[in-house]
Amino acid sequence: MTHAATQPASATTSLPKSLANEPWGIWAAILFVVATLVTAVVTMGVAGLVVVMVPAALAMLVLLCFIVFG
């Protein structure tokens, strides 16, 4: 009696090493920011950039302070 047939075939495929090391969270954040900027421009015009980018810039400064000063 052989036990080779009792092991299920693996359904997952392994990613290439270059894709496995990709910082997907950072790419998702960049995509979110770009989509937000496009939505702001489409809905509010150029003034939408100011409405979105001023709080975003302040939030980036706060995040940078958290990273630097810990």
C-alpha atoms as a PDB file:
ATOM      1  CA  MET A   1       0.000   0.000   0.000  1.00  0.00           C
ATOM      2  CA  THR A   2       1.509   3.342  -1.006  1.00  0.00           C
ATOM      3  CA  HIS A   3       0.777   6.672   0.635  1.00  0.00           C
ATOM      4  CA  ALA A   4       1.639   8.859  -2.345  1.00  0.00           C
ATOM      5  CA  ALA A   5      -2.006   9.211  -3.345  1.00  0.00           C
ATOM      6  CA  THR A   6      -3.094  10.439   0.091  1.00  0.00           C
ATOM      7  CA  GLN A   7      -1.226  13.737  -0.138  1.00  0.00           C
ATOM      8  CA  PRO A   8      -3.348  16.436  -1.798  1.00  0.00           C
ATOM      9  CA  ALA A   9      -1.874  18.374  -4.670  1.00  0.00           C
ATOM     10  CA  SER A  10      -0.861  21.888  -3.706  1.00  0.00           C
ATOM     11  CA  ALA A  11      -3.272  24.421  -5.175  1.00  0.00           C
ATOM     12  CA  THR A  12      -1.078  27.425  -4.495  1.00  0.00           C
ATOM     13  CA  THR A  13       1.640  28.504  -6.843  1.00  0.00           C
ATOM     14  CA  SER A  14       4.791  30.092  -5.558  1.00  0.00           C
ATOM     15  CA  LEU A  15       5.571  33.565  -6.792  1.00  0.00           C
ATOM     16  CA  PRO A  16       8.912  34.377  -8.358  1.00  0.00           C
ATOM     17  CA  LYS A  17      11.406  35.760  -5.865  1.00  0.00           C
ATOM     18  CA  SER A  18      11.180  39.284  -7.297  1.00  0.00           C
ATOM     19  CA  LEU A  19       7.385  39.377  -6.791  1.00  0.00           C
ATOM     20  CA  ALA A  20       7.531  37.788  -3.354  1.00  0.00           C
ATOM     21  CA  ASN A  21       9.803  40.572  -2.078  1.00  0.00           C
ATOM     22  CA  GLU A  22       7.651  43.355  -3.512  1.00  0.00           C
ATOM     23  CA  PRO A  23       6.314  45.873  -0.935  1.00  0.00           C
ATOM     24  CA  TRP A  24       2.640  45.462  -1.914  1.00  0.00           C
ATOM     25  CA  GLY A  25       1.388  47.655   0.950  1.00  0.00           C
ATOM     26  CA  ILE A  26       3.383  50.615  -0.334  1.00  0.00           C
ATOM     27  CA  TRP A  27       2.116  50.109  -3.894  1.00  0.00           C
ATOM     28  CA  ALA A  28      -1.464  49.945  -2.590  1.00  0.00           C
ATOM     29  CA  ALA A  29      -0.974  53.192  -0.659  1.00  0.00           C
ATOM     30  CA  ILE A  30       0.448  54.923  -3.740  1.00  0.00           C
ATOM     31  CA  LEU A  31      -2.485  53.712  -5.826  1.00  0.00           C
ATOM     32  CA  PHE A  32      -4.926  54.970  -3.173  1.00  0.00           C
ATOM     33  CA  VAL A  33      -3.327  58.435  -3.113  1.00  0.00           C
ATOM     34  CA  VAL A  34      -3.320  58.728  -6.915  1.00  0.00           C
ATOM     35  CA  ALA A  35      -6.951  57.588  -7.110  1.00  0.00           C
ATOM     36  CA  THR A  36      -7.906  60.118  -4.419  1.00  0.00           C
ATOM     37  CA  LEU A  37      -6.162  62.931  -6.289  1.00  0.00           C
ATOM     38  CA  VAL A  38      -7.847  62.022  -9.574  1.00  0.00           C
ATOM     39  CA  THR A  39     -11.239  61.858  -7.868  1.00  0.00           C
ATOM     40  CA  ALA A  40     -10.660  65.249  -6.225  1.00  0.00           C
ATOM     41  CA  VAL A  41      -9.713  66.872  -9.536  1.00  0.00           C
ATOM     42  CA  VAL A  42     -12.663  65.321 -11.376  1.00  0.00           C
ATOM     43  CA  THR A  43     -15.219  66.326  -8.736  1.00  0.00           C
ATOM     44  CA  MET A  44     -13.897  69.686  -7.499  1.00  0.00           C
ATOM     45  CA  GLY A  45     -11.459  70.842 -10.164  1.00  0.00           C
ATOM     46  CA  VAL A  46      -8.041  72.225  -9.342  1.00  0.00           C
ATOM     47  CA  ALA A  47      -9.295  73.468  -5.977  1.00  0.00           C
ATOM     48  CA  GLY A  48      -9.807  69.825  -5.104  1.00  0.00           C
ATOM     49  CA  LEU A  49      -6.051  69.339  -5.180  1.00  0.00           C
ATOM     50  CA  VAL A  50      -5.688  71.951  -2.448  1.00  0.00           C
ATOM     51  CA  VAL A  51      -8.506  70.415  -0.411  1.00  0.00           C
ATOM     52  CA  VAL A  52      -6.895  66.978  -0.589  1.00  0.00           C
ATOM     53  CA  MET A  53      -3.185  67.748  -0.644  1.00  0.00           C
ATOM     54  CA  VAL A  54      -2.957  70.164   2.292  1.00  0.00           C
ATOM     55  CA  PRO A  55      -4.280  67.633   4.839  1.00  0.00           C
ATOM     56  CA  ALA A  56      -2.292  64.882   3.119  1.00  0.00           C
ATOM     57  CA  ALA A  57       0.920  66.893   3.394  1.00  0.00           C
ATOM     58  CA  LEU A  58       0.268  67.600   7.064  1.00  0.00           C
ATOM     59  CA  ALA A  59      -0.476  63.933   7.693  1.00  0.00           C
ATOM     60  CA  MET A  60       2.766  62.947   5.955  1.00  0.00           C
ATOM     61  CA  LEU A  61       4.699  65.338   8.189  1.00  0.00           C
ATOM     62  CA  VAL A  62       3.093  63.841  11.297  1.00  0.00           C
ATOM     63  CA  LEU A  63       3.847  60.320  10.076  1.00  0.00           C
ATOM     64  CA  LEU A  64       7.442  61.307   9.327  1.00  0.00           C
ATOM     65  CA  CYS A  65       7.790  62.740  12.833  1.00  0.00           C
ATOM     66  CA  PHE A  66       6.481  59.465  14.280  1.00  0.00           C
ATOM     67  CA  ILE A  67       9.013  57.527  12.224  1.00  0.00           C
ATOM     68  CA  VAL A  68      11.986  59.786  12.996  1.00  0.00           C
ATOM     69  CA  PHE A  69      11.329  60.518  16.664  1.00  0.00           C
ATOM     70  CA  GLY A  70       9.741  57.170  17.400  1.00  0.00           C
END
